[in-house]
Amino acid sequence: MIKHNRLIAGAASLAAAAALIAGTVTTASAKPNDPPAKTTVQPYDIVGVGSDTTTNVMDALTRGYDATIKKDSPAKPKVYSYDALPPGITVAPPGVTYKITPKKGCATIPRPNGSSAGITALNATQVIKSNGGSYSCLNFARSSRARKTTDPKLAKGGIAFVAFARDAITWAVRSTAKGGNNAPKSLNLKQLIGIFTCKTTNWDQVGGKNAPIKVYLPQTGSGTLSTWETFMGLTTVPSCINQGPEENEGTYAGKTPTDPTNGFNSPNAIFIYSIGAYVAQKYHSAACGKTPTKTQNAFGCDVTGFLQLQNINGVSPFSTGKVPTINLKFPSGFWRTIYNVVNYSTATSDHIPPQVNALFGPKGYMCTSPVAKTEIRDYGFINYPLCGSVS
């Protein structure tokens, strides 16, 4: 999550105003994310937070699952997924902390923005009593990164990463339609490592034009950031990199106190992007501010903004279909599995808690429902034969 210097408390209007000043409000007419309006999330319900990358697909999947439940009850709880940021906000401005109250009776907490932020919140979640039962205020964390050595172990008292789909990441620059860029059409791993370790500083060193490279990476806590750091062999973000734009958002225009440049609206900028998220935004979503058609995704809108995705090793990130998908021939070193993280259970053989097994387990809704499999494809990701596997 972006580091905040102070808290503007209890004033949604102030937060929205600050976001507007920073150019970070995107009004969308898609279905509202988070629990639907006027919904009381009961202590026994299932609640998740975390990754921005999987925010919209999990909105779709949890709404689809909830539609199969006739009456919400402790025996058949509904599932709610809080977005990484409030609906309509694309970046958390410095000095603003957004908050959520996960369930009835739970304390209000900072809204987790990103995979690591979600996992941290899950680990620290409050447990409340209700009608003779004990319930966690958070039940899962969306994660677009794999387990780290610093995460709680796959053991009693720890956590389990439950796989559900596949994604890939590539680099992005200003699109031809927005004025073009000084980059080459393709880079290889060695060239990307040079750029993201600050050893390569001019586009002409990698086959582009003679122009300085302006490198950007997503906010701290981002699973896409963590995965890319692994790809690049980074343990820290180098000083040449401007860090902070929200992951998988191409609308960042700079002009901030810490970045007075034009952000992504520059021929020299380079960023990273989930290919799955880009496919969903560009080819399955309405323009922001427009109502989705019946054939478009209900959640999210097109925030690709200034950016286009680029090739690695000469391979396009997209398939050649009329409606592109992630190219299955994209270099293997840039693929990742996406997960939902749950508290380790001793009550089941796969260690997925019983109350969420019907959703996340290998025989659960997300892994077996034809509707769910279609939703995963429509939100840009690749169905995974090992869906429901635990690591």
Protein backbone atom coordinates (compact mmCIF):
# COMPACT_ATOMS: atom_id res chain seq x y z
CA MET A 1 0.00 0.00 0.00
CA ILE A 2 1.22 3.54 -0.68
CA LYS A 3 2.81 4.99 2.44
CA HIS A 4 0.60 7.65 4.03
CA ASN A 5 1.92 10.60 6.02
CA ARG A 6 -1.30 11.45 7.82
CA LEU A 7 -4.93 10.38 8.06
CA ILE A 8 -7.86 12.45 6.87
CA ALA A 9 -10.43 10.80 9.10
CA GLY A 10 -14.14 10.43 8.73
CA ALA A 11 -14.57 12.58 5.65
CA ALA A 12 -15.31 10.72 2.46
CA SER A 13 -15.95 14.00 0.70
CA LEU A 14 -12.47 15.23 1.62
CA ALA A 15 -10.93 12.00 0.38
CA ALA A 16 -12.80 12.28 -2.88
CA ALA A 17 -11.77 15.91 -3.23
CA ALA A 18 -8.12 15.03 -2.62
CA ALA A 19 -8.35 12.24 -5.15
CA LEU A 20 -9.90 14.56 -7.70
CA ILE A 21 -7.11 17.09 -7.22
CA ALA A 22 -4.60 14.31 -7.82
CA GLY A 23 -6.48 13.22 -10.95
CA THR A 24 -7.32 9.84 -9.49
CA VAL A 25 -11.11 9.61 -9.62
CA THR A 26 -12.53 7.47 -12.39
CA THR A 27 -16.31 7.47 -12.48
CA ALA A 28 -17.64 4.18 -13.79
CA SER A 29 -21.21 3.12 -14.38
CA ALA A 30 -20.49 -0.57 -13.90
CA LYS A 31 -22.01 -2.42 -10.96
CA PRO A 32 -20.68 -1.12 -7.66
CA ASN A 33 -17.87 -3.21 -6.26
CA ASP A 34 -17.57 -4.07 -2.55
CA PRO A 35 -20.70 -5.48 -0.84
CA PRO A 36 -23.82 -4.20 -2.62
CA ALA A 37 -25.49 -1.09 -1.22
CA LYS A 38 -27.63 -1.61 1.90
CA THR A 39 -26.07 -5.02 2.51
CA THR A 40 -25.38 -5.96 6.11
CA VAL A 41 -22.40 -8.30 6.05
CA GLN A 42 -23.04 -10.78 8.85
CA PRO A 43 -20.30 -12.10 11.17
CA TYR A 44 -20.65 -15.57 9.62
CA ASP A 45 -20.27 -14.28 6.03
CA ILE A 46 -17.01 -14.70 4.10
CA VAL A 47 -15.00 -11.52 3.43
CA GLY A 48 -11.87 -10.94 1.38
CA VAL A 49 -9.49 -8.04 0.65
CA GLY A 50 -6.18 -7.43 -1.09
CA SER A 51 -4.94 -7.63 -4.68
CA ASP A 52 -5.87 -4.96 -7.21
CA THR A 53 -5.10 -7.34 -10.10
CA THR A 54 -7.84 -9.78 -9.08
CA THR A 55 -10.30 -7.24 -7.67
CA ASN A 56 -12.74 -7.30 -10.58
CA VAL A 57 -12.63 -11.02 -11.36
CA MET A 58 -13.26 -11.81 -7.70
CA ASP A 59 -16.17 -9.36 -7.66
CA ALA A 60 -17.66 -11.31 -10.54
CA LEU A 61 -16.91 -14.72 -9.06
CA THR A 62 -18.23 -13.94 -5.59
CA ARG A 63 -21.43 -12.38 -6.98
CA GLY A 64 -21.92 -15.44 -9.15
CA TYR A 65 -21.40 -17.74 -6.19
CA ASP A 66 -23.74 -15.70 -3.99
CA ALA A 67 -26.44 -16.02 -6.64
CA THR A 68 -26.45 -19.79 -5.99
CA ILE A 69 -27.34 -19.27 -2.31
CA LYS A 70 -31.06 -18.85 -1.68
CA LYS A 71 -30.74 -17.63 1.89
CA ASP A 72 -27.64 -16.30 3.62
CA SER A 73 -26.99 -18.31 6.80
CA PRO A 74 -24.14 -19.67 8.95
CA ALA A 75 -24.51 -22.97 7.09
CA LYS A 76 -24.40 -21.29 3.67
CA PRO A 77 -22.68 -17.91 4.03
CA LYS A 78 -22.40 -15.41 1.24
CA VAL A 79 -19.03 -14.08 0.08
CA TYR A 80 -17.99 -10.43 -0.25
CA SER A 81 -14.79 -9.03 -1.73
CA TYR A 82 -13.71 -5.48 -0.85
CA ASP A 83 -11.80 -3.78 -3.67
CA ALA A 84 -8.21 -2.62 -3.26
CA LEU A 85 -9.51 0.96 -3.52
CA PRO A 86 -13.00 2.42 -3.15
CA PRO A 87 -15.13 2.23 -6.30
CA GLY A 88 -14.29 5.19 -8.53
CA ILE A 89 -10.83 5.78 -7.04
CA THR A 90 -7.81 4.62 -9.04
CA VAL A 91 -4.94 5.79 -6.80
CA ALA A 92 -4.75 6.51 -3.08
CA PRO A 93 -3.47 10.11 -2.86
CA PRO A 94 -0.75 10.84 -0.29
CA GLY A 95 -2.31 11.72 3.05
CA VAL A 96 -5.54 9.82 2.47
CA THR A 97 -6.35 6.47 4.07
CA TYR A 98 -9.50 4.69 2.95
CA LYS A 99 -11.23 2.46 5.48
CA ILE A 100 -13.68 -0.44 5.59
CA THR A 101 -15.75 -2.14 8.26
CA PRO A 102 -15.54 -5.75 7.03
CA LYS A 103 -18.57 -7.14 8.86
CA LYS A 104 -21.22 -6.22 11.37
CA GLY A 105 -19.53 -5.99 14.76
CA CYS A 106 -15.99 -5.69 13.39
CA ALA A 107 -13.68 -2.75 13.93
CA THR A 108 -13.03 -0.32 11.09
CA ILE A 109 -9.62 -0.92 9.48
CA PRO A 110 -7.51 0.64 6.69
CA ARG A 111 -8.60 -0.76 3.34
CA PRO A 112 -5.83 -3.18 2.23
CA ASN A 113 -4.47 -2.14 -1.18
CA GLY A 114 -2.45 -4.95 -2.75
CA SER A 115 -1.63 -8.61 -2.19
CA SER A 116 0.84 -8.18 0.65
CA ALA A 117 -1.39 -5.63 2.37
CA GLY A 118 -4.28 -8.10 2.18
CA ILE A 119 -2.21 -10.98 3.54
CA THR A 120 -0.96 -8.81 6.41
CA ALA A 121 -4.53 -7.80 7.26
CA LEU A 122 -5.70 -11.44 7.14
CA ASN A 123 -2.93 -12.46 9.52
CA ALA A 124 -3.91 -9.73 11.97
CA THR A 125 -7.67 -10.05 11.62
CA GLN A 126 -9.99 -9.52 14.54
CA VAL A 127 -12.12 -12.41 15.82
CA ILE A 128 -15.59 -11.56 17.11
CA LYS A 129 -18.30 -13.45 18.98
CA SER A 130 -21.83 -13.66 17.63
CA ASN A 131 -24.75 -15.90 18.60
CA GLY A 132 -22.45 -18.32 20.36
CA GLY A 133 -19.95 -18.57 17.50
CA SER A 134 -16.51 -17.10 16.84
CA TYR A 135 -15.90 -15.45 13.48
CA SER A 136 -12.90 -13.85 11.80
CA CYS A 137 -13.52 -10.39 10.38
CA LEU A 138 -11.45 -11.32 7.30
CA ASN A 139 -11.52 -14.79 5.75
CA PHE A 140 -9.31 -14.53 2.67
CA ALA A 141 -6.81 -12.28 0.92
CA ARG A 142 -6.63 -11.94 -2.85
CA SER A 143 -3.05 -12.42 -4.00
CA SER A 144 -1.42 -12.04 -7.40
CA ARG A 145 1.91 -13.18 -5.97
CA ALA A 146 3.14 -16.52 -4.72
CA ARG A 147 4.18 -17.31 -1.18
CA LYS A 148 7.24 -15.49 0.18
CA THR A 149 9.68 -16.96 2.69
CA THR A 150 8.55 -14.24 5.10
CA ASP A 151 4.90 -15.32 4.97
CA PRO A 152 3.41 -17.52 7.72
CA LYS A 153 4.07 -21.20 6.98
CA LEU A 154 1.72 -23.78 5.49
CA ALA A 155 1.08 -25.20 8.95
CA LYS A 156 -1.17 -24.79 11.97
CA GLY A 157 -1.43 -21.11 12.78
CA GLY A 158 -0.23 -20.20 9.28
CA ILE A 159 -1.80 -19.60 5.89
CA ALA A 160 -2.52 -21.50 2.67
CA PHE A 161 -2.25 -20.10 -0.87
CA VAL A 162 -5.10 -21.54 -2.97
CA ALA A 163 -4.53 -21.30 -6.74
CA PHE A 164 -7.34 -20.41 -9.12
CA ALA A 165 -6.00 -19.02 -12.43
CA ARG A 166 -2.93 -18.03 -14.46
CA ASP A 167 -1.67 -14.62 -15.55
CA ALA A 168 1.45 -13.09 -17.12
CA ILE A 169 3.20 -9.72 -16.81
CA THR A 170 4.93 -7.59 -19.41
CA TRP A 171 6.27 -4.07 -19.82
CA ALA A 172 4.25 -1.12 -21.10
CA VAL A 173 4.99 2.23 -22.74
CA ARG A 174 2.98 5.13 -24.15
CA SER A 175 0.79 3.89 -26.98
CA THR A 176 1.03 4.91 -30.60
CA ALA A 177 -2.47 6.35 -30.32
CA LYS A 178 -1.37 8.63 -27.46
CA GLY A 179 1.73 9.97 -29.20
CA GLY A 180 4.11 7.02 -29.29
CA ASN A 181 7.31 6.24 -27.44
CA ASN A 182 11.08 6.01 -27.76
CA ALA A 183 11.27 2.30 -26.89
CA PRO A 184 11.95 -0.66 -29.20
CA LYS A 185 9.08 -3.02 -29.93
CA SER A 186 10.59 -5.88 -27.95
CA LEU A 187 13.00 -6.46 -25.07
CA ASN A 188 14.53 -9.60 -23.60
CA LEU A 189 15.08 -10.54 -19.97
CA LYS A 190 18.66 -9.24 -19.86
CA GLN A 191 17.59 -5.88 -21.29
CA LEU A 192 14.67 -5.59 -18.86
CA ILE A 193 16.94 -6.39 -15.91
CA GLY A 194 19.30 -3.64 -17.10
CA ILE A 195 16.46 -1.11 -17.17
CA PHE A 196 14.86 -2.08 -13.85
CA THR A 197 18.22 -2.18 -12.03
CA CYS A 198 19.09 1.30 -13.39
CA LYS A 199 22.15 0.02 -15.29
CA THR A 200 20.50 0.85 -18.61
CA THR A 201 19.38 4.48 -18.67
CA ASN A 202 18.88 5.38 -22.34
CA TRP A 203 16.53 3.78 -24.86
CA ASP A 204 19.30 3.68 -27.49
CA GLN A 205 21.16 1.12 -25.32
CA VAL A 206 18.42 -1.42 -26.06
CA GLY A 207 17.58 -0.55 -29.67
CA GLY A 208 15.34 2.46 -29.13
CA LYS A 209 15.84 6.15 -29.74
CA ASN A 210 18.39 8.37 -28.02
CA ALA A 211 16.30 9.41 -25.01
CA PRO A 212 16.48 8.88 -21.23
CA ILE A 213 14.38 6.07 -19.77
CA LYS A 214 11.87 7.02 -17.06
CA VAL A 215 11.10 3.89 -15.02
CA TYR A 216 7.96 3.41 -12.94
CA LEU A 217 6.84 0.58 -10.64
CA PRO A 218 3.57 0.06 -8.73
CA GLN A 219 2.84 0.88 -5.10
CA THR A 220 4.42 -1.00 -2.22
CA GLY A 221 2.34 -4.07 -1.31
CA SER A 222 1.43 -4.82 -4.92
CA GLY A 223 1.59 -8.50 -5.88
CA THR A 224 2.45 -7.48 -9.43
CA LEU A 225 5.40 -5.52 -8.05
CA SER A 226 6.55 -8.47 -5.90
CA THR A 227 6.34 -10.86 -8.83
CA TRP A 228 8.22 -8.50 -11.16
CA GLU A 229 10.92 -8.02 -8.51
CA THR A 230 11.36 -11.80 -8.53
CA PHE A 231 11.57 -11.82 -12.33
CA MET A 232 14.19 -9.03 -12.25
CA GLY A 233 16.15 -10.39 -9.27
CA LEU A 234 15.45 -7.27 -7.21
CA THR A 235 15.48 -7.22 -3.42
CA THR A 236 14.83 -3.47 -3.18
CA VAL A 237 13.46 -0.87 -5.58
CA PRO A 238 16.43 1.07 -7.06
CA SER A 239 16.61 4.81 -6.51
CA CYS A 240 16.17 5.63 -10.22
CA ILE A 241 12.62 4.25 -10.16
CA ASN A 242 9.56 6.36 -9.49
CA GLN A 243 7.34 4.12 -7.38
CA GLY A 244 3.71 4.69 -6.51
CA PRO A 245 1.29 4.52 -9.49
CA GLU A 246 -1.49 2.02 -8.83
CA GLU A 247 -0.80 -1.34 -10.44
CA ASN A 248 -2.58 -2.10 -13.72
CA GLU A 249 -3.65 1.51 -14.25
CA GLY A 250 -2.37 3.33 -17.32
CA THR A 251 -3.90 6.71 -16.53
CA TYR A 252 -1.13 8.12 -14.30
CA ALA A 253 -0.29 11.61 -15.61
CA GLY A 254 2.32 12.74 -13.07
CA LYS A 255 2.29 16.42 -12.08
CA THR A 256 2.61 15.55 -8.41
CA PRO A 257 5.02 17.01 -5.83
CA THR A 258 7.20 13.90 -6.08
CA ASP A 259 6.85 13.52 -9.87
CA PRO A 260 6.45 16.82 -11.74
CA THR A 261 6.81 15.08 -15.12
CA ASN A 262 3.96 13.92 -17.37
CA GLY A 263 3.91 10.42 -15.88
CA PHE A 264 2.86 7.82 -18.42
CA ASN A 265 2.06 10.55 -20.96
CA SER A 266 5.71 10.58 -21.99
CA PRO A 267 7.62 8.82 -24.78
CA ASN A 268 10.26 7.82 -22.21
CA ALA A 269 8.09 6.14 -19.56
CA ILE A 270 8.10 2.39 -18.88
CA PHE A 271 5.78 0.56 -16.49
CA ILE A 272 4.67 -3.04 -15.92
CA TYR A 273 1.19 -4.49 -16.37
CA SER A 274 -0.77 -7.68 -15.82
CA ILE A 275 -1.61 -8.96 -19.29
CA GLY A 276 -4.82 -10.48 -17.95
CA ALA A 277 -5.93 -7.18 -16.43
CA TYR A 278 -5.09 -5.36 -19.68
CA VAL A 279 -7.09 -7.86 -21.75
CA ALA A 280 -10.10 -7.41 -19.45
CA GLN A 281 -9.90 -3.62 -19.52
CA LYS A 282 -9.18 -3.13 -23.22
CA TYR A 283 -11.31 -5.86 -24.77
CA HIS A 284 -14.06 -6.72 -22.27
CA SER A 285 -14.83 -3.49 -20.41
CA ALA A 286 -16.73 -0.28 -21.00
CA ALA A 287 -15.01 3.09 -21.12
CA CYS A 288 -14.94 4.63 -17.67
CA GLY A 289 -18.11 6.62 -17.13
CA LYS A 290 -20.10 4.47 -19.57
CA THR A 291 -22.62 1.76 -18.73
CA PRO A 292 -21.38 -1.70 -19.77
CA THR A 293 -23.30 -3.45 -22.50
CA LYS A 294 -24.68 -6.95 -21.96
CA THR A 295 -21.55 -8.41 -23.54
CA GLN A 296 -19.11 -6.38 -21.43
CA ASN A 297 -17.81 -7.08 -17.95
CA ALA A 298 -20.00 -5.82 -15.14
CA PHE A 299 -17.05 -4.87 -12.94
CA GLY A 300 -14.25 -2.46 -13.74
CA CYS A 301 -13.70 -0.19 -16.73
CA ASP A 302 -10.97 0.56 -19.27
CA VAL A 303 -8.14 2.28 -17.39
CA THR A 304 -5.37 1.35 -19.83
CA GLY A 305 -5.04 5.09 -20.39
CA PHE A 306 -1.79 6.08 -22.06
CA LEU A 307 -0.25 2.62 -22.19
CA GLN A 308 0.18 -0.25 -24.62
CA LEU A 309 1.79 -3.60 -23.83
CA GLN A 310 5.07 -4.60 -25.47
CA ASN A 311 6.69 -7.82 -26.65
CA ILE A 312 9.28 -9.92 -24.83
CA ASN A 313 11.73 -11.99 -26.93
CA GLY A 314 9.74 -10.86 -29.97
CA VAL A 315 6.58 -12.58 -28.67
CA SER A 316 3.35 -10.60 -28.40
CA PRO A 317 1.53 -10.66 -25.04
CA PHE A 318 -1.73 -11.23 -26.93
CA SER A 319 -3.19 -14.05 -28.98
CA THR A 320 -4.26 -13.32 -32.55
CA GLY A 321 -7.96 -13.99 -31.95
CA LYS A 322 -10.67 -11.45 -32.76
CA VAL A 323 -10.96 -10.92 -29.02
CA PRO A 324 -7.39 -11.41 -27.76
CA THR A 325 -6.41 -13.48 -24.75
CA ILE A 326 -3.04 -13.87 -23.06
CA ASN A 327 -0.73 -15.44 -25.63
CA LEU A 328 -0.07 -19.00 -24.42
CA LYS A 329 3.31 -18.81 -26.20
CA PHE A 330 4.42 -15.81 -24.13
CA PRO A 331 7.83 -16.54 -22.51
CA SER A 332 7.41 -18.91 -19.58
CA GLY A 333 9.56 -16.80 -17.25
CA PHE A 334 6.91 -14.08 -17.16
CA TRP A 335 3.91 -16.18 -16.09
CA ARG A 336 2.46 -16.39 -12.59
CA THR A 337 -0.32 -18.13 -10.70
CA ILE A 338 -2.93 -16.02 -8.92
CA TYR A 339 -4.37 -17.07 -5.57
CA ASN A 340 -6.73 -16.57 -2.71
CA VAL A 341 -4.99 -16.89 0.65
CA VAL A 342 -6.81 -18.42 3.63
CA ASN A 343 -5.99 -19.34 7.20
CA TYR A 344 -4.56 -22.88 7.45
CA SER A 345 -7.20 -25.38 8.58
CA THR A 346 -6.61 -28.65 10.41
CA ALA A 347 -10.22 -29.69 9.78
CA THR A 348 -9.73 -30.58 6.09
CA SER A 349 -7.19 -32.69 4.20
CA ASP A 350 -6.34 -29.82 1.82
CA HIS A 351 -6.20 -27.32 4.71
CA ILE A 352 -8.75 -24.99 3.13
CA PRO A 353 -11.22 -23.91 5.85
CA PRO A 354 -14.55 -25.76 5.49
CA GLN A 355 -16.58 -22.56 5.16
CA VAL A 356 -14.68 -21.49 2.01
CA ASN A 357 -14.05 -24.92 0.46
CA ALA A 358 -17.27 -24.70 -1.52
CA LEU A 359 -15.87 -21.60 -3.21
CA PHE A 360 -12.09 -22.12 -3.45
CA GLY A 361 -11.56 -25.88 -3.19
CA PRO A 362 -10.72 -28.16 -6.15
CA LYS A 363 -14.37 -29.26 -6.24
CA GLY A 364 -15.65 -25.79 -5.43
CA TYR A 365 -17.49 -23.20 -7.49
CA MET A 366 -14.45 -21.35 -8.85
CA CYS A 367 -12.79 -24.54 -10.10
CA THR A 368 -15.78 -26.46 -11.46
CA SER A 369 -18.57 -24.07 -12.42
CA PRO A 370 -18.81 -23.39 -16.19
CA VAL A 371 -20.04 -19.90 -15.29
CA ALA A 372 -16.96 -19.28 -13.14
CA LYS A 373 -14.62 -20.55 -15.84
CA THR A 374 -16.22 -18.16 -18.34
CA GLU A 375 -15.88 -15.28 -15.89
CA ILE A 376 -12.17 -16.03 -15.40
CA ARG A 377 -11.67 -15.87 -19.18
CA ASP A 378 -13.78 -12.72 -19.54
CA TYR A 379 -11.64 -11.00 -16.93
CA GLY A 380 -8.53 -11.79 -18.94
CA PHE A 381 -7.03 -14.75 -17.10
CA ILE A 382 -6.33 -18.35 -18.06
CA ASN A 383 -8.19 -21.24 -16.43
CA TYR A 384 -5.78 -23.37 -14.45
CA PRO A 385 -5.85 -27.20 -14.37
CA LEU A 386 -4.48 -27.04 -10.80
CA CYS A 387 -7.26 -24.77 -9.58
CA GLY A 388 -7.83 -25.41 -5.88
CA SER A 389 -4.30 -26.67 -5.25
CA VAL A 390 -2.65 -25.45 -2.05
CA SER A 391 0.89 -24.23 -1.49
